[in-house]
C-alpha cells in the first residue's frame, strides 16, 4: 500500500481527515458507520463508527477505482 500513498493523498480529498496510515503504512479508513438501522437524523448521526468496516471500505475501494479510470489509468 505504501506505493499508493501519494495517489491517496492527492486524489482523495473527500476522505478528509478520516484517512490515516497505521504503523505498517497501511491505509485506515475511519469514522465508518457500523451496521444499518431505521431512525431519524439524530439517530443516524449518533450511531457508533469503526475503522475499515466493510460498509465503508467497499465504497472507498470502488471510489478509488472510478477515480483511477476517470484519470485515464487502467
Protein backbone atom coordinates (compact mmCIF):
# COMPACT_ATOMS: atom_id res chain seq x y z
CA UNK A 1 0.00 0.00 0.00
CA UNK A 2 2.93 2.37 0.52
CA UNK A 3 3.35 2.88 -3.23
CA UNK A 4 -0.25 4.17 -3.39
CA UNK A 5 0.17 6.74 -0.62
CA UNK A 6 0.91 9.73 -2.93
CA UNK A 7 -2.16 8.88 -5.04
CA UNK A 8 -4.39 8.56 -1.99
CA UNK A 9 -3.14 11.82 -0.53
CA UNK A 10 -3.59 13.70 -3.81
CA UNK A 11 -6.77 12.17 -5.21
CA UNK A 12 -8.98 11.63 -2.20
CA UNK A 13 -9.77 14.96 -0.58
CA UNK A 14 -13.30 13.69 0.12
CA UNK A 15 -11.87 11.27 2.65
CA UNK A 16 -10.82 14.31 4.65
CA UNK A 17 -9.20 13.53 7.94
CA UNK A 18 -10.81 10.09 8.17
CA UNK A 19 -7.95 8.54 6.17
CA UNK A 20 -4.75 7.80 8.05
CA UNK A 21 -1.93 5.28 7.95
CA UNK A 22 -1.06 2.75 10.62
CA UNK A 23 2.45 1.93 11.82
CA UNK A 24 2.89 -0.51 8.92
CA UNK A 25 1.97 2.10 6.31
CA UNK A 26 -1.45 0.60 5.58
CA UNK A 27 -4.36 2.93 4.87
CA UNK A 28 -7.00 3.05 7.60
CA UNK A 29 -10.42 4.46 6.76
CA UNK A 30 -12.09 5.81 9.88
CA UNK A 31 -15.48 7.04 11.00
CA UNK A 32 -17.48 4.43 9.09
CA UNK A 33 -20.99 3.87 10.45
CA UNK A 34 -21.37 0.30 11.60
CA UNK A 35 -24.49 -1.56 10.60
CA UNK A 36 -27.74 -0.07 9.48
CA UNK A 37 -30.90 0.88 11.22
CA UNK A 38 -34.08 2.83 10.96
CA UNK A 39 -34.37 6.12 12.74
CA UNK A 40 -34.38 9.85 12.43
CA UNK A 41 -31.39 12.02 11.54
CA UNK A 42 -30.26 12.32 15.16
CA UNK A 43 -30.21 8.52 15.45
CA UNK A 44 -28.29 8.22 12.18
CA UNK A 45 -25.51 10.64 13.07
CA UNK A 46 -25.17 9.27 16.62
CA UNK A 47 -24.51 5.69 15.51
CA UNK A 48 -21.15 4.20 16.51
CA UNK A 49 -18.33 4.17 13.97
CA UNK A 50 -15.36 1.92 13.35
CA UNK A 51 -12.28 1.70 11.15
CA UNK A 52 -12.11 -0.26 7.90
CA UNK A 53 -15.67 -1.56 8.31
CA UNK A 54 -16.72 -3.30 5.10
CA UNK A 55 -19.67 -0.93 4.62
CA UNK A 56 -17.26 1.93 4.00
CA UNK A 57 -14.16 0.09 2.79
CA UNK A 58 -16.00 -1.38 -0.20
CA UNK A 59 -17.38 2.02 -1.21
CA UNK A 60 -13.93 3.56 -0.74
CA UNK A 61 -12.31 0.93 -2.98
CA UNK A 62 -14.95 1.45 -5.67
CA UNK A 63 -14.38 5.22 -5.46
CA UNK A 64 -10.63 4.69 -5.92
CA UNK A 65 -11.22 2.50 -8.97
CA UNK A 66 -13.57 5.04 -10.54
CA UNK A 67 -11.19 7.92 -9.87
CA UNK A 68 -8.36 5.93 -11.42
CA UNK A 69 -10.45 5.16 -14.51
CA UNK A 70 -11.54 8.80 -14.78
CA UNK A 71 -7.89 9.85 -14.72
CA UNK A 72 -7.24 7.60 -17.72
CA UNK A 73 -5.41 4.82 -15.86
CA UNK A 74 -6.36 1.18 -16.28
